[in-house]
Amino acid sequence: MLIYVCQTGANREGLTFQQINSFDLPIPDIKEQEQTINFIETHTSSIDATTSKIEKEIELLQEYRTALISEVVTGKVRVHSA
């Protein structure tokens, strides 16, 4: 059963458990499910690796900024005005 078959009028607040229970939901076979999982895991690990690399770069930039500010404040580095 499709959702639009259960719908009455222009608006529907909700569906009953009985209506939801009667829906036919297509479920991919186990091989397709495994392929989908492998695809998601592969791409997720790539995203995680990129995120980790960027976080490390941000941390290094923050350390560099702190060190640079310290050197300017202590006079170790001169700042030239334009």
Protein backbone atom coordinates (compact mmCIF):
# COMPACT_ATOMS: atom_id res chain seq x y z
CA MET A 1 0.00 0.00 0.00
CA LEU A 2 1.28 3.46 -0.82
CA ILE A 3 1.05 6.47 1.48
CA TYR A 4 -1.04 8.52 -0.93
CA VAL A 5 -3.71 5.79 -0.89
CA CYS A 6 -4.12 6.36 2.89
CA GLN A 7 -4.25 10.12 2.58
CA THR A 8 -7.60 11.87 2.76
CA GLY A 9 -8.11 15.53 1.96
CA ALA A 10 -5.36 18.01 1.29
CA ASN A 11 -3.61 17.46 4.58
CA ARG A 12 -2.78 14.47 6.81
CA GLU A 13 -1.61 14.76 10.41
CA GLY A 14 -0.43 11.18 10.75
CA LEU A 15 -0.85 7.54 9.86
CA THR A 16 -2.06 4.73 12.09
CA PHE A 17 0.12 1.75 12.95
CA GLN A 18 -2.26 -0.41 10.96
CA GLN A 19 -1.75 1.76 7.88
CA ILE A 20 2.03 1.79 8.30
CA ASN A 21 2.00 -1.98 8.83
CA SER A 22 0.27 -2.47 5.50
CA PHE A 23 2.95 -0.65 3.48
CA ASP A 24 5.04 -2.68 1.08
CA LEU A 25 8.64 -1.58 1.57
CA PRO A 26 11.19 -2.77 -0.96
CA ILE A 27 14.27 -4.22 0.74
CA PRO A 28 17.40 -4.76 -1.36
CA ASP A 29 18.93 -8.22 -1.32
CA ILE A 30 21.79 -8.89 1.10
CA LYS A 31 24.48 -8.48 -1.59
CA GLU A 32 23.22 -4.99 -2.48
CA GLN A 33 22.99 -4.11 1.22
CA GLU A 34 26.62 -5.19 1.72
CA GLN A 35 27.74 -3.19 -1.34
CA THR A 36 25.95 -0.13 0.03
CA ILE A 37 27.60 -0.57 3.43
CA ASN A 38 31.04 -0.96 1.83
CA PHE A 39 30.50 2.16 -0.28
CA ILE A 40 29.43 4.21 2.75
CA GLU A 41 32.28 2.91 4.93
CA THR A 42 34.87 3.64 2.23
CA HIS A 43 33.68 7.18 1.70
CA THR A 44 33.19 7.81 5.41
CA SER A 45 36.76 6.75 6.20
CA SER A 46 38.03 9.06 3.46
CA ILE A 47 36.02 11.95 4.90
CA ASP A 48 37.28 11.12 8.42
CA ALA A 49 40.90 11.12 7.23
CA THR A 50 40.44 14.49 5.51
CA THR A 51 38.74 15.94 8.58
CA SER A 52 41.55 14.72 10.82
CA LYS A 53 44.19 16.23 8.53
CA ILE A 54 42.40 19.60 8.45
CA GLU A 55 41.99 19.60 12.24
CA LYS A 56 45.75 19.02 12.65
CA GLU A 57 46.49 21.86 10.21
CA ILE A 58 44.17 24.19 12.16
CA GLU A 59 45.92 23.24 15.40
CA LEU A 60 49.34 23.97 13.86
CA LEU A 61 48.13 27.33 12.53
CA GLN A 62 46.78 28.25 15.97
CA GLU A 63 50.14 27.34 17.53
CA TYR A 64 51.97 29.39 14.89
CA ARG A 65 49.64 32.36 15.52
CA THR A 66 50.23 32.17 19.27
CA ALA A 67 54.00 31.97 18.79
CA LEU A 68 53.98 34.88 16.31
CA ILE A 69 51.94 37.08 18.66
CA SER A 70 54.32 36.25 21.49
CA GLU A 71 57.36 37.16 19.36
CA VAL A 72 55.80 40.47 18.31
CA VAL A 73 54.84 41.37 21.88
CA THR A 74 58.31 40.53 23.22
CA GLY A 75 60.00 42.44 20.39
CA LYS A 76 61.67 39.43 18.80
CA VAL A 77 59.89 40.25 15.54
CA ARG A 78 59.45 43.79 14.24
CA VAL A 79 56.21 44.85 12.63
CA HIS A 80 56.52 47.33 9.76
CA SER A 81 53.62 49.61 8.98
CA ALA A 82 52.69 50.16 5.37
